[in-house]
N, C-alpha and C. Protein backbone atom coordinates (compact mmCIF):
# COMPACT_ATOMS: atom_id res chain seq x y z
N MET A 1 -0.36 -12.91 -17.03
CA MET A 1 -0.10 -14.31 -15.93
C MET A 1 -1.40 -14.41 -15.42
N THR A 2 -1.90 -15.83 -15.42
CA THR A 2 -2.84 -16.15 -14.74
C THR A 2 -2.39 -17.07 -13.56
N THR A 3 -3.03 -16.45 -12.27
CA THR A 3 -2.43 -17.09 -10.88
C THR A 3 -3.55 -17.69 -10.33
N SER A 4 -3.78 -19.07 -9.88
CA SER A 4 -4.82 -19.61 -9.31
C SER A 4 -4.22 -20.04 -8.08
N VAL A 5 -4.88 -19.41 -6.73
CA VAL A 5 -4.26 -19.92 -5.57
C VAL A 5 -5.76 -20.10 -4.54
N GLY A 6 -5.24 -20.85 -3.40
CA GLY A 6 -6.56 -21.15 -2.63
C GLY A 6 -7.51 -22.11 -3.41
N ASN A 7 -8.17 -22.76 -2.20
CA ASN A 7 -9.45 -23.70 -2.71
C ASN A 7 -10.84 -23.29 -1.69
N GLY A 8 -11.60 -24.43 -2.06
CA GLY A 8 -12.76 -23.93 -1.33
C GLY A 8 -12.67 -24.12 0.15
N GLN A 9 -11.66 -24.70 0.83
CA GLN A 9 -11.44 -24.72 2.16
C GLN A 9 -11.04 -23.42 2.50
N ASP A 10 -10.12 -22.79 1.83
CA ASP A 10 -9.25 -21.46 2.59
C ASP A 10 -9.56 -20.34 1.64
N ALA A 11 -10.66 -20.15 1.00
CA ALA A 11 -10.93 -19.00 0.22
C ALA A 11 -11.35 -17.81 1.10
N ALA A 12 -11.17 -16.69 0.97
CA ALA A 12 -11.12 -15.68 1.49
C ALA A 12 -12.80 -15.12 1.97
N PRO A 13 -13.02 -14.54 3.07
CA PRO A 13 -14.43 -14.45 3.55
C PRO A 13 -14.62 -13.20 2.55
N ALA A 14 -16.06 -13.21 2.37
CA ALA A 14 -16.74 -12.39 1.03
C ALA A 14 -16.09 -11.16 0.53
N THR A 15 -16.08 -10.32 1.76
CA THR A 15 -15.51 -8.80 1.37
C THR A 15 -14.54 -8.37 2.09
N ASP A 16 -14.12 -9.12 3.45
CA ASP A 16 -13.48 -8.23 4.30
C ASP A 16 -11.95 -8.97 4.16
N LEU A 17 -10.69 -8.03 3.67
CA LEU A 17 -9.53 -8.67 3.86
C LEU A 17 -9.16 -8.65 5.25
N ARG A 18 -9.57 -8.21 6.36
CA ARG A 18 -8.87 -8.26 7.41
C ARG A 18 -9.15 -9.27 8.52
N THR A 19 -10.00 -10.54 7.90
CA THR A 19 -10.16 -11.66 8.67
C THR A 19 -9.63 -13.04 8.52
N ALA A 20 -8.38 -13.03 7.32
CA ALA A 20 -7.89 -14.13 7.15
C ALA A 20 -7.07 -14.59 8.66
N GLY A 21 -6.58 -16.16 8.66
CA GLY A 21 -5.94 -16.58 9.53
C GLY A 21 -4.45 -16.37 9.80
N ARG A 22 -3.75 -16.79 10.41
CA ARG A 22 -2.24 -16.63 10.54
C ARG A 22 -1.55 -17.66 10.87
N ALA A 23 -0.23 -17.64 10.85
CA ALA A 23 0.90 -18.65 11.11
C ALA A 23 0.47 -19.30 12.52
N PRO A 24 0.44 -20.41 12.85
CA PRO A 24 0.18 -21.23 14.03
C PRO A 24 1.15 -20.41 15.12
N GLU A 25 2.52 -20.57 14.78
CA GLU A 25 3.13 -20.05 15.58
C GLU A 25 3.19 -18.64 16.07
N SER A 26 2.37 -17.80 15.44
CA SER A 26 2.52 -16.28 15.63
C SER A 26 1.57 -16.17 16.96
N PRO A 27 2.24 -14.74 17.76
CA PRO A 27 1.48 -14.47 19.09
C PRO A 27 -0.02 -14.05 18.80
N SER A 28 -0.73 -14.33 19.66
CA SER A 28 -2.08 -13.66 19.58
C SER A 28 -2.18 -12.21 19.27
N GLN A 29 -3.25 -11.85 18.55
CA GLN A 29 -3.48 -10.42 18.49
C GLN A 29 -3.76 -9.30 19.51
N GLU A 30 -3.90 -10.28 20.89
CA GLU A 30 -4.16 -9.53 22.09
C GLU A 30 -2.95 -9.10 22.45
N GLN A 31 -1.91 -9.57 22.01
CA GLN A 31 -0.40 -9.69 22.57
C GLN A 31 0.02 -8.22 21.67
N LEU A 32 -0.25 -7.95 20.58
CA LEU A 32 0.05 -7.05 19.71
C LEU A 32 0.07 -5.69 20.35
N PRO A 33 0.88 -4.56 20.18
CA PRO A 33 0.60 -3.19 20.86
C PRO A 33 -0.25 -2.65 20.03
N PRO A 34 -1.03 -1.54 20.59
CA PRO A 34 -2.32 -1.16 19.34
C PRO A 34 -1.75 -0.20 18.31
N ASP A 35 -0.30 0.24 18.38
CA ASP A 35 0.05 1.06 17.26
C ASP A 35 -0.24 0.24 16.10
N ARG A 36 -0.66 0.85 15.01
CA ARG A 36 -0.66 0.12 13.81
C ARG A 36 0.60 0.08 12.87
N SER A 37 1.53 0.98 13.41
CA SER A 37 2.87 0.66 12.56
C SER A 37 3.55 -0.72 13.29
N GLN A 38 3.44 -0.81 14.33
CA GLN A 38 4.17 -1.95 15.00
C GLN A 38 3.10 -3.07 14.20
N ALA A 39 1.97 -3.14 14.21
CA ALA A 39 1.21 -4.45 13.77
C ALA A 39 1.64 -4.85 12.37
N ILE A 40 1.88 -3.49 11.50
CA ILE A 40 2.45 -3.65 10.16
C ILE A 40 3.46 -4.34 10.33
N LEU A 41 4.95 -3.99 11.18
CA LEU A 41 5.83 -4.47 11.18
C LEU A 41 5.80 -5.97 11.43
N GLU A 42 4.90 -6.34 12.82
CA GLU A 42 4.79 -7.89 12.83
C GLU A 42 4.15 -8.69 12.00
N ALA A 43 3.23 -8.25 10.91
CA ALA A 43 2.80 -8.72 9.66
C ALA A 43 3.98 -9.26 8.71
N ALA A 44 5.11 -7.99 8.43
CA ALA A 44 5.75 -8.15 7.56
C ALA A 44 7.02 -9.08 8.07
N LYS A 45 7.32 -9.13 9.41
CA LYS A 45 8.37 -10.30 10.28
C LYS A 45 7.45 -11.41 9.68
N GLN A 46 6.06 -11.87 10.11
CA GLN A 46 5.67 -12.77 10.08
C GLN A 46 5.61 -13.61 8.56
N VAL A 47 5.59 -12.82 7.61
CA VAL A 47 5.01 -13.51 6.49
C VAL A 47 6.62 -13.54 5.76
N GLY A 48 7.76 -12.68 6.03
CA GLY A 48 8.97 -12.89 5.62
C GLY A 48 9.74 -14.05 6.36
N ALA A 49 9.41 -14.30 7.36
CA ALA A 49 9.97 -15.67 8.12
C ALA A 49 9.23 -17.18 7.12
N ILE A 50 7.99 -16.54 7.05
CA ILE A 50 7.38 -17.91 6.13
C ILE A 50 8.12 -18.05 4.69
N LEU A 51 8.36 -16.78 4.14
CA LEU A 51 8.72 -16.96 2.83
C LEU A 51 10.42 -17.63 3.10
N LYS A 52 11.26 -17.26 4.20
CA LYS A 52 12.65 -17.44 4.21
C LYS A 52 12.29 -19.23 4.44
N ARG A 53 11.51 -19.65 5.35
CA ARG A 53 11.42 -20.99 5.62
C ARG A 53 11.22 -21.80 4.32
N GLY A 54 10.39 -21.32 3.20
CA GLY A 54 10.03 -21.85 2.21
C GLY A 54 11.26 -21.94 1.11
N GLY A 55 12.31 -21.23 1.42
CA GLY A 55 13.31 -21.05 0.43
C GLY A 55 12.86 -20.12 -0.79
N HIS A 56 11.94 -19.18 -0.62
CA HIS A 56 11.63 -18.38 -1.86
C HIS A 56 12.40 -17.16 -2.12
N ARG A 57 12.66 -16.95 -3.29
CA ARG A 57 13.21 -15.39 -3.48
C ARG A 57 12.44 -14.50 -3.48
N PHE A 58 12.87 -13.77 -2.75
CA PHE A 58 11.50 -12.45 -2.44
C PHE A 58 12.68 -11.19 -2.17
N ALA A 59 12.06 -9.95 -1.98
CA ALA A 59 12.21 -8.78 -1.23
C ALA A 59 11.30 -7.85 -0.78
N LEU A 60 11.62 -7.53 0.85
CA LEU A 60 10.61 -6.69 1.09
C LEU A 60 10.49 -5.30 0.42
N ALA A 61 9.54 -4.54 0.05
CA ALA A 61 9.25 -3.53 -0.46
C ALA A 61 8.49 -2.56 0.15
N GLY A 62 8.33 -1.60 -0.54
CA GLY A 62 6.99 -0.53 0.06
C GLY A 62 7.65 0.35 1.35
N SER A 63 6.60 0.90 2.10
CA SER A 63 7.07 1.68 3.17
C SER A 63 7.96 0.95 4.39
N VAL A 64 7.66 -0.43 4.61
CA VAL A 64 8.41 -1.04 5.53
C VAL A 64 9.77 -1.24 4.91
N ALA A 65 10.08 -1.56 3.46
CA ALA A 65 11.31 -1.46 3.07
C ALA A 65 12.15 -0.16 3.47
N VAL A 66 11.40 0.86 3.29
CA VAL A 66 11.69 2.31 3.48
C VAL A 66 12.35 2.19 5.12
N TYR A 67 11.54 1.86 5.81
CA TYR A 67 11.86 1.38 7.42
C TYR A 67 12.92 0.97 7.46
N ALA A 68 13.34 -0.29 6.77
CA ALA A 68 14.29 -1.11 7.02
C ALA A 68 15.71 -0.54 6.56
N HIS A 69 15.77 0.44 5.73
CA HIS A 69 16.81 1.11 5.26
C HIS A 69 17.20 2.66 6.12
N GLY A 70 16.19 2.75 7.44
CA GLY A 70 16.36 3.93 8.34
C GLY A 70 15.19 4.90 8.00
N GLY A 71 14.55 4.94 7.17
CA GLY A 71 13.62 6.05 6.81
C GLY A 71 12.39 5.72 8.19
N SER A 72 11.10 6.79 7.90
CA SER A 72 10.10 6.88 8.75
C SER A 72 9.75 5.35 9.27
N GLY A 73 9.65 5.59 10.72
CA GLY A 73 9.23 4.24 11.55
C GLY A 73 7.58 4.66 11.61
N THR A 74 6.80 5.65 10.81
CA THR A 74 5.24 5.62 10.88
C THR A 74 4.92 4.63 9.32
N LEU A 75 4.22 3.61 9.76
CA LEU A 75 3.68 2.93 8.71
C LEU A 75 2.50 3.07 8.59
N GLN A 76 2.11 2.97 7.07
CA GLN A 76 0.40 3.00 7.06
C GLN A 76 0.10 1.86 5.88
N HIS A 77 -1.10 1.75 5.84
CA HIS A 77 -1.41 1.04 4.58
C HIS A 77 -1.11 -0.84 4.71
N ASP A 78 -0.05 -0.98 4.27
CA ASP A 78 0.15 -2.39 4.23
C ASP A 78 1.77 -2.86 4.17
N ALA A 79 1.98 -3.91 3.65
CA ALA A 79 3.19 -4.54 3.77
C ALA A 79 3.61 -5.10 2.33
N ASP A 80 4.52 -4.83 1.90
CA ASP A 80 4.60 -5.30 0.31
C ASP A 80 5.96 -6.30 0.34
N PHE A 81 5.57 -7.23 -0.51
CA PHE A 81 6.81 -8.32 -0.94
C PHE A 81 6.95 -8.47 -2.34
N CYS A 82 8.07 -8.54 -2.96
CA CYS A 82 8.35 -8.76 -4.32
C CYS A 82 8.48 -10.34 -4.33
N VAL A 83 7.81 -10.83 -5.26
CA VAL A 83 8.55 -12.31 -5.79
C VAL A 83 8.50 -12.07 -7.31
N LEU A 84 9.15 -13.45 -7.94
CA LEU A 84 9.05 -13.74 -9.30
C LEU A 84 8.02 -14.09 -9.68
N PRO A 85 7.37 -14.06 -10.91
CA PRO A 85 5.80 -14.30 -11.46
C PRO A 85 6.14 -15.87 -11.41
N GLU A 86 7.17 -16.62 -12.00
CA GLU A 86 7.17 -17.93 -11.88
C GLU A 86 7.11 -18.52 -10.71
N ASP A 87 7.03 -17.91 -9.70
CA ASP A 87 7.28 -18.32 -8.02
C ASP A 87 6.04 -18.13 -7.48
N ALA A 88 4.77 -17.31 -7.87
CA ALA A 88 4.12 -16.96 -7.16
C ALA A 88 2.98 -18.30 -6.60
N GLU A 89 2.96 -19.50 -7.28
CA GLU A 89 2.05 -20.36 -6.98
C GLU A 89 2.58 -20.95 -5.78
N ALA A 90 3.89 -21.05 -5.76
CA ALA A 90 4.98 -21.82 -4.72
C ALA A 90 4.88 -20.88 -3.45
N VAL A 91 4.79 -19.72 -3.58
CA VAL A 91 4.89 -18.55 -2.49
C VAL A 91 3.21 -18.65 -1.72
N ALA A 92 2.18 -18.78 -2.82
CA ALA A 92 0.93 -18.86 -2.18
C ALA A 92 0.80 -20.13 -1.45
N GLY A 93 1.14 -21.12 -1.87
CA GLY A 93 1.39 -22.28 -1.06
C GLY A 93 1.78 -22.43 0.33
N SER A 94 3.06 -21.70 0.28
CA SER A 94 3.78 -21.68 1.55
C SER A 94 2.59 -21.00 2.54
N LEU A 95 2.17 -19.62 1.87
CA LEU A 95 1.27 -19.01 2.97
C LEU A 95 0.21 -19.55 3.29
N ARG A 96 -0.53 -20.65 2.49
CA ARG A 96 -1.52 -21.26 2.88
C ARG A 96 -1.42 -22.18 4.10
N SER A 97 -0.16 -22.86 3.84
CA SER A 97 0.41 -23.96 4.69
C SER A 97 0.61 -23.49 6.03
N ALA A 98 1.12 -22.10 6.03
CA ALA A 98 1.38 -21.44 7.26
C ALA A 98 -0.03 -21.04 7.95
N GLY A 99 -0.86 -21.23 7.26
CA GLY A 99 -2.76 -20.59 8.01
C GLY A 99 -3.12 -19.47 7.49
N LEU A 100 -2.46 -18.88 6.60
CA LEU A 100 -2.79 -17.64 5.97
C LEU A 100 -3.79 -17.89 4.51
N THR A 101 -4.79 -17.09 4.48
CA THR A 101 -5.46 -17.32 3.34
C THR A 101 -5.12 -16.24 2.29
N VAL A 102 -4.99 -16.67 1.04
CA VAL A 102 -4.41 -16.02 -0.03
C VAL A 102 -5.74 -15.71 -1.01
N ARG A 103 -5.84 -14.58 -1.46
CA ARG A 103 -7.05 -13.83 -2.21
C ARG A 103 -6.39 -13.38 -3.68
N VAL A 104 -7.09 -13.46 -4.66
CA VAL A 104 -6.51 -13.30 -5.98
C VAL A 104 -7.45 -11.93 -6.21
N PRO A 105 -6.96 -10.52 -6.12
CA PRO A 105 -7.73 -9.73 -6.82
C PRO A 105 -8.07 -9.43 -8.22
N PRO A 106 -8.77 -8.61 -8.67
CA PRO A 106 -8.81 -8.37 -10.05
C PRO A 106 -7.46 -7.94 -10.76
N GLU A 107 -6.57 -7.21 -10.16
CA GLU A 107 -5.38 -7.03 -10.55
C GLU A 107 -4.55 -8.37 -10.98
N ASP A 108 -3.87 -8.34 -11.94
CA ASP A 108 -3.15 -9.57 -12.41
C ASP A 108 -1.71 -9.46 -12.03
N TRP A 109 -1.25 -8.78 -10.94
CA TRP A 109 0.09 -8.23 -10.79
C TRP A 109 0.60 -8.75 -9.62
N LEU A 110 -0.62 -9.22 -8.42
CA LEU A 110 -0.12 -9.67 -7.19
C LEU A 110 -1.21 -10.21 -6.62
N VAL A 111 -0.87 -11.14 -5.65
CA VAL A 111 -2.09 -11.37 -4.57
C VAL A 111 -1.99 -10.89 -3.19
N LYS A 112 -3.15 -11.23 -2.53
CA LYS A 112 -3.00 -10.66 -1.36
C LYS A 112 -3.17 -11.78 -0.15
N THR A 113 -2.81 -11.32 1.11
CA THR A 113 -2.86 -12.41 2.23
C THR A 113 -3.28 -11.17 3.44
N VAL A 114 -3.53 -11.58 4.64
CA VAL A 114 -3.99 -10.48 5.71
C VAL A 114 -2.68 -11.58 6.79
N CYS A 115 -2.48 -10.64 7.65
CA CYS A 115 -1.65 -11.25 9.04
C CYS A 115 -1.61 -10.18 9.79
N PHE A 116 -2.15 -10.61 11.12
CA PHE A 116 -2.33 -9.73 12.54
C PHE A 116 -3.47 -8.43 12.21
N ASP A 117 -4.32 -8.76 10.99
CA ASP A 117 -5.48 -7.72 10.96
C ASP A 117 -4.49 -6.71 9.83
N GLN A 118 -3.27 -6.86 9.02
CA GLN A 118 -2.74 -6.12 8.16
C GLN A 118 -2.95 -6.56 6.86
N ASP A 119 -3.19 -5.69 5.72
CA ASP A 119 -2.96 -6.28 4.58
C ASP A 119 -1.58 -6.35 3.99
N VAL A 120 -1.19 -7.49 3.39
CA VAL A 120 -0.08 -7.92 2.74
C VAL A 120 -0.06 -8.30 1.53
N ASP A 121 0.60 -7.59 0.65
CA ASP A 121 0.45 -7.74 -0.88
C ASP A 121 1.94 -8.65 -1.38
N ILE A 122 1.71 -9.70 -2.14
CA ILE A 122 2.53 -10.41 -2.94
C ILE A 122 2.77 -9.72 -4.28
N ILE A 123 3.84 -9.04 -4.47
CA ILE A 123 3.91 -8.48 -6.00
C ILE A 123 4.59 -9.02 -6.70
N PHE A 124 4.23 -9.17 -8.14
CA PHE A 124 4.96 -9.99 -9.42
C PHE A 124 5.42 -8.61 -10.19
N GLU A 125 4.80 -7.54 -9.95
CA GLU A 125 5.32 -6.48 -11.15
C GLU A 125 5.18 -5.27 -10.21
N LEU A 126 6.30 -4.56 -10.38
CA LEU A 126 6.49 -3.09 -9.82
C LEU A 126 6.28 -2.00 -10.95
N SER A 127 5.27 -1.05 -10.68
CA SER A 127 5.13 -0.01 -11.97
C SER A 127 5.03 -0.72 -13.40
N ASP A 128 4.26 -1.72 -13.43
CA ASP A 128 3.90 -2.34 -14.74
C ASP A 128 5.22 -3.15 -15.30
N ARG A 129 6.38 -3.36 -14.35
CA ARG A 129 7.72 -4.02 -14.89
C ARG A 129 7.53 -5.32 -13.97
N PRO A 130 7.95 -6.46 -14.69
CA PRO A 130 8.04 -7.30 -13.90
C PRO A 130 9.16 -7.68 -12.85
N VAL A 131 8.94 -8.39 -11.77
CA VAL A 131 9.93 -8.67 -11.00
C VAL A 131 11.05 -9.20 -11.40
N THR A 132 12.06 -9.33 -11.47
CA THR A 132 13.24 -10.06 -12.07
C THR A 132 14.41 -10.62 -11.16
N PRO A 133 15.07 -11.69 -11.28
CA PRO A 133 15.92 -11.87 -11.01
C PRO A 133 17.20 -10.96 -10.14
N ASP A 134 17.39 -10.26 -11.32
CA ASP A 134 18.39 -9.16 -11.04
C ASP A 134 17.78 -8.04 -10.03
N LEU A 135 16.66 -7.76 -9.86
CA LEU A 135 16.16 -7.16 -9.02
C LEU A 135 16.27 -7.67 -7.63
N LEU A 136 16.01 -8.79 -7.22
CA LEU A 136 16.00 -9.47 -6.26
C LEU A 136 17.55 -9.78 -5.83
N ALA A 137 18.50 -9.95 -6.81
CA ALA A 137 19.68 -10.37 -6.56
C ALA A 137 20.50 -8.63 -6.04
N ARG A 138 19.91 -7.94 -6.37
CA ARG A 138 20.27 -6.44 -5.62
C ARG A 138 19.73 -6.07 -4.52
N ALA A 139 18.83 -6.98 -4.09
CA ALA A 139 18.35 -6.38 -2.42
C ALA A 139 19.29 -6.72 -1.25
N GLU A 140 19.41 -6.02 -0.36
CA GLU A 140 20.22 -5.86 0.79
C GLU A 140 19.75 -6.74 1.88
N GLU A 141 20.30 -7.62 2.87
CA GLU A 141 19.73 -8.26 3.77
C GLU A 141 19.80 -7.37 5.07
N LEU A 142 18.74 -7.05 5.37
CA LEU A 142 18.52 -5.88 6.71
C LEU A 142 17.58 -6.56 7.82
N PRO A 143 17.94 -5.80 8.94
CA PRO A 143 16.75 -6.16 9.97
C PRO A 143 15.40 -5.69 10.01
N VAL A 144 14.78 -6.32 10.13
CA VAL A 144 13.36 -5.48 10.04
C VAL A 144 12.48 -5.68 11.37
N ASP A 145 12.94 -4.87 12.31
CA ASP A 145 12.59 -5.04 13.86
C ASP A 145 13.60 -6.31 14.24
N SER A 146 13.01 -7.54 14.23
CA SER A 146 14.15 -8.37 14.90
C SER A 146 14.27 -9.55 13.94
N VAL A 147 13.77 -9.43 12.77
CA VAL A 147 14.00 -10.57 11.37
C VAL A 147 14.83 -9.80 10.42
N ARG A 148 15.98 -10.71 9.92
CA ARG A 148 16.58 -10.23 9.08
C ARG A 148 15.90 -10.90 7.56
N MET A 149 15.84 -10.03 6.71
CA MET A 149 15.39 -10.47 5.25
C MET A 149 16.01 -9.45 4.24
N PRO A 150 15.59 -10.15 3.00
CA PRO A 150 16.28 -9.34 1.66
C PRO A 150 15.17 -8.10 1.51
N VAL A 151 16.01 -7.22 1.59
CA VAL A 151 14.95 -5.73 1.34
C VAL A 151 15.51 -5.19 0.07
N LEU A 152 14.36 -4.55 -0.96
CA LEU A 152 14.67 -3.94 -1.96
C LEU A 152 15.86 -2.79 -1.55
N ALA A 153 16.73 -2.62 -2.59
CA ALA A 153 17.89 -1.78 -2.54
C ALA A 153 17.27 -0.31 -2.75
N ALA A 154 17.77 0.58 -2.06
CA ALA A 154 17.42 2.07 -2.09
C ALA A 154 17.12 2.39 -3.41
N THR A 155 17.84 2.10 -4.16
CA THR A 155 18.16 2.89 -5.77
C THR A 155 16.59 1.94 -6.25
N ASP A 156 16.42 0.99 -6.21
CA ASP A 156 15.13 0.25 -6.89
C ASP A 156 14.16 0.69 -6.03
N LEU A 157 14.17 1.12 -4.81
CA LEU A 157 12.85 1.70 -4.15
C LEU A 157 12.54 2.80 -4.71
N LEU A 158 13.64 3.89 -4.97
CA LEU A 158 13.11 5.01 -5.54
C LEU A 158 12.68 5.25 -6.86
N VAL A 159 13.18 4.12 -7.67
CA VAL A 159 12.79 3.82 -8.99
C VAL A 159 11.37 3.34 -9.28
N SER A 160 10.95 2.48 -8.11
CA SER A 160 9.73 1.91 -8.20
C SER A 160 8.41 2.58 -7.74
N LEU A 161 9.14 3.81 -6.89
CA LEU A 161 8.12 4.71 -6.45
C LEU A 161 8.00 5.79 -7.52
N SER A 162 9.19 6.21 -8.15
CA SER A 162 9.03 7.44 -9.27
C SER A 162 8.29 6.63 -10.15
N THR A 163 8.73 5.76 -10.93
CA THR A 163 7.79 5.28 -12.15
C THR A 163 6.22 5.13 -11.67
N ALA A 164 5.94 4.80 -10.52
CA ALA A 164 4.66 4.62 -10.13
C ALA A 164 3.82 5.98 -10.56
N PHE A 165 4.46 7.51 -10.45
CA PHE A 165 3.75 8.37 -10.85
C PHE A 165 3.12 8.24 -12.02
N SER A 166 1.92 8.99 -12.28
CA SER A 166 0.97 9.16 -13.72
C SER A 166 0.41 10.41 -13.46
N GLU A 167 -0.33 10.51 -14.70
CA GLU A 167 -1.30 11.74 -14.89
C GLU A 167 -2.60 11.43 -13.72
N HIS A 168 -3.02 10.48 -13.41
CA HIS A 168 -3.81 10.22 -12.36
C HIS A 168 -3.53 9.70 -10.98
N HIS A 169 -2.10 9.57 -10.62
CA HIS A 169 -1.75 9.49 -9.48
C HIS A 169 -0.39 10.07 -9.23
N CYS A 170 -0.21 11.35 -9.01
CA CYS A 170 0.99 12.09 -9.07
C CYS A 170 1.35 12.89 -7.35
N ASP A 171 1.54 11.98 -6.50
CA ASP A 171 1.42 12.69 -5.05
C ASP A 171 3.17 12.69 -4.75
N PHE A 172 3.67 13.69 -5.15
CA PHE A 172 5.15 13.90 -4.68
C PHE A 172 5.19 14.01 -3.54
N GLY A 173 4.44 14.59 -2.71
CA GLY A 173 4.56 14.82 -1.20
C GLY A 173 4.55 13.54 -0.54
N ALA A 174 4.33 12.40 -0.83
CA ALA A 174 4.30 10.96 -0.39
C ALA A 174 5.51 10.63 -0.38
N VAL A 175 6.42 10.68 -1.63
CA VAL A 175 7.78 10.26 -1.86
C VAL A 175 8.72 11.20 -1.29
N LEU A 176 8.35 12.35 -1.56
CA LEU A 176 9.39 13.28 -0.91
C LEU A 176 10.33 12.98 0.05
N PRO A 177 9.49 12.54 1.47
CA PRO A 177 10.32 12.11 2.61
C PRO A 177 11.04 11.03 2.44
N VAL A 178 10.61 10.21 1.54
CA VAL A 178 11.46 8.91 1.67
C VAL A 178 12.74 9.15 0.62
N ALA A 179 12.62 10.17 -0.51
CA ALA A 179 13.58 10.78 -0.94
C ALA A 179 14.95 11.27 0.05
N ARG A 180 14.20 12.13 1.08
CA ARG A 180 15.26 13.06 1.74
C ARG A 180 15.98 11.99 2.84
N SER A 181 15.18 10.80 3.48
CA SER A 181 15.68 10.06 4.27
C SER A 181 16.72 9.07 3.62
N LEU A 182 16.55 8.70 2.49
CA LEU A 182 17.35 7.64 1.83
C LEU A 182 18.22 8.12 0.78
N ARG A 183 18.33 9.62 0.67
CA ARG A 183 19.36 10.25 -0.55
C ARG A 183 20.79 9.55 -0.34
N GLU A 184 21.54 9.29 0.67
CA GLU A 184 22.87 9.31 0.94
C GLU A 184 23.05 7.61 0.41
N LYS A 185 21.82 6.94 0.20
CA LYS A 185 22.10 5.45 -0.41
C LYS A 185 21.60 5.20 -1.65
N VAL A 186 21.02 6.28 -2.20
CA VAL A 186 20.48 6.07 -3.62
C VAL A 186 21.51 6.37 -4.75
N ASP A 187 21.45 5.73 -5.68
CA ASP A 187 22.41 5.98 -7.03
C ASP A 187 21.60 6.90 -7.67
N TRP A 188 21.52 8.37 -7.60
CA TRP A 188 20.76 9.04 -8.53
C TRP A 188 20.71 8.94 -9.76
N ARG A 189 22.24 8.86 -10.11
CA ARG A 189 22.61 8.82 -11.72
C ARG A 189 21.82 7.70 -12.13
N GLU A 190 21.75 6.61 -11.69
CA GLU A 190 21.11 5.36 -11.94
C GLU A 190 19.62 5.71 -11.95
N VAL A 191 18.73 6.11 -11.14
CA VAL A 191 17.62 6.67 -10.97
C VAL A 191 17.08 7.62 -12.25
N ARG A 192 18.14 8.48 -12.33
CA ARG A 192 17.85 9.13 -13.69
C ARG A 192 17.59 8.33 -15.09
N ARG A 193 18.80 7.30 -15.07
CA ARG A 193 19.07 6.72 -16.34
C ARG A 193 17.60 5.60 -16.53
N ARG A 194 17.00 5.32 -15.47
CA ARG A 194 15.96 4.24 -15.62
C ARG A 194 14.57 4.91 -15.83
N CYS A 195 14.66 6.12 -15.33
CA CYS A 195 13.10 6.67 -15.27
C CYS A 195 13.07 8.49 -15.57
N GLY A 196 14.33 8.86 -15.58
CA GLY A 196 14.37 10.48 -15.77
C GLY A 196 13.92 10.98 -16.80
N ASP A 197 13.65 10.25 -18.24
CA ASP A 197 13.14 10.60 -19.33
C ASP A 197 11.48 10.37 -19.43
N GLU A 198 11.05 9.83 -18.21
CA GLU A 198 9.68 9.78 -18.34
C GLU A 198 9.00 11.18 -17.70
N PRO A 199 7.66 11.76 -18.06
CA PRO A 199 7.61 13.07 -17.56
C PRO A 199 7.23 13.11 -16.21
N MET A 200 6.67 12.18 -15.58
CA MET A 200 6.46 12.36 -13.89
C MET A 200 7.46 12.21 -13.13
N PRO A 201 8.21 10.97 -13.57
CA PRO A 201 9.46 10.98 -12.75
C PRO A 201 10.51 12.32 -12.95
N GLY A 202 10.49 12.34 -14.20
CA GLY A 202 11.44 13.49 -14.36
C GLY A 202 11.27 14.85 -13.67
N ALA A 203 9.75 14.96 -13.42
CA ALA A 203 9.54 16.26 -12.82
C ALA A 203 9.57 15.94 -11.28
N PHE A 204 9.80 15.03 -10.87
CA PHE A 204 10.01 14.49 -9.46
C PHE A 204 11.56 14.98 -9.09
N LEU A 205 12.33 14.57 -9.81
CA LEU A 205 13.83 14.74 -9.94
C LEU A 205 13.97 16.19 -10.02
N TYR A 206 13.37 16.77 -10.79
CA TYR A 206 13.37 18.38 -10.63
C TYR A 206 13.05 19.07 -9.44
N LEU A 207 12.23 18.67 -9.12
CA LEU A 207 11.73 19.06 -7.57
C LEU A 207 12.71 18.87 -6.56
N LEU A 208 13.34 17.60 -6.62
CA LEU A 208 14.45 17.21 -5.63
C LEU A 208 15.56 18.27 -5.88
N GLU A 209 15.86 18.61 -7.06
CA GLU A 209 16.91 19.43 -7.29
C GLU A 209 16.47 20.94 -6.76
N GLN A 210 15.33 21.48 -6.98
CA GLN A 210 15.00 22.81 -6.61
C GLN A 210 14.68 22.77 -5.03
N LEU A 211 14.76 21.72 -4.47
CA LEU A 211 14.45 21.68 -2.99
C LEU A 211 15.81 21.47 -2.55
N LYS A 212 16.67 21.34 -3.12
CA LYS A 212 18.12 20.94 -2.68
C LYS A 212 18.37 19.50 -2.02
N VAL A 213 17.63 18.56 -2.29
CA VAL A 213 17.41 17.39 -1.70
C VAL A 213 18.86 16.50 -2.60
N ILE A 214 18.71 16.76 -3.73
CA ILE A 214 19.70 16.27 -4.46
C ILE A 214 20.09 17.22 -5.45
N ASP A 215 21.52 17.21 -6.01
CA ASP A 215 22.24 18.24 -7.16
C ASP A 215 22.00 17.94 -8.52
N PRO A 216 21.83 18.73 -9.35
CA PRO A 216 22.00 18.22 -10.66
C PRO A 216 22.83 17.31 -11.35
N GLY A 217 22.41 16.24 -11.47
CA GLY A 217 23.38 15.34 -12.22
C GLY A 217 24.13 14.64 -10.80
N GLN A 218 23.33 14.51 -9.95
CA GLN A 218 24.47 13.86 -8.73
C GLN A 218 24.40 12.70 -8.76
N GLU A 219 25.88 12.15 -8.31
CA GLU A 219 26.18 10.67 -8.50
C GLU A 219 25.88 9.97 -6.83
N GLN A 220 25.87 8.79 -6.90
CA GLN A 220 25.87 8.24 -5.60
C GLN A 220 26.97 8.78 -4.91
N THR A 221 26.83 9.07 -3.35
CA THR A 221 28.44 9.52 -2.75
C THR A 221 28.76 8.36 -1.80
């Protein structure tokens, strides 16, 4: 898919993704607490509010989605949102209209913006699999700090994290705390069905069994 966003007036600065604008109604950066976790939450809330006002189909993903489900409150890196590939242009237009700069990276499965100096990824594919209407329909409306928005279902979160493992990127330690914190909300039988036959996700599920995080063949409780 080729996605063309932005124009000469709102092109991203040369190499620094942290210098993009923000929605006119957002609070000044000086008012944000210095903790980066809160800044990422503020960015997620702002972008989520923009997408809601635009009537777009979307779901929060990544570490902020884990937080919304009750996982760790320590956030790193960025905020992630899933949208349908066919909605990418319209979503980018809403972000630009709200004062955010949209950047198209070399990867063809997302676009990027920045809010409150935090990277925000707008994703069309999760682990090489296109975002689908069914995926978004399964999302749960949850509060993200003070803003309610669609959040990927816990089972879909674990599938997306597990299928991202590969021979070149296989950090089980980063996903293990997520599995521990969300295990009661995850349909592990469905996780096994969707990715357990693949070597790396299968190895991760075996590790969870050995650590007594899940039982062999455990179903959702």
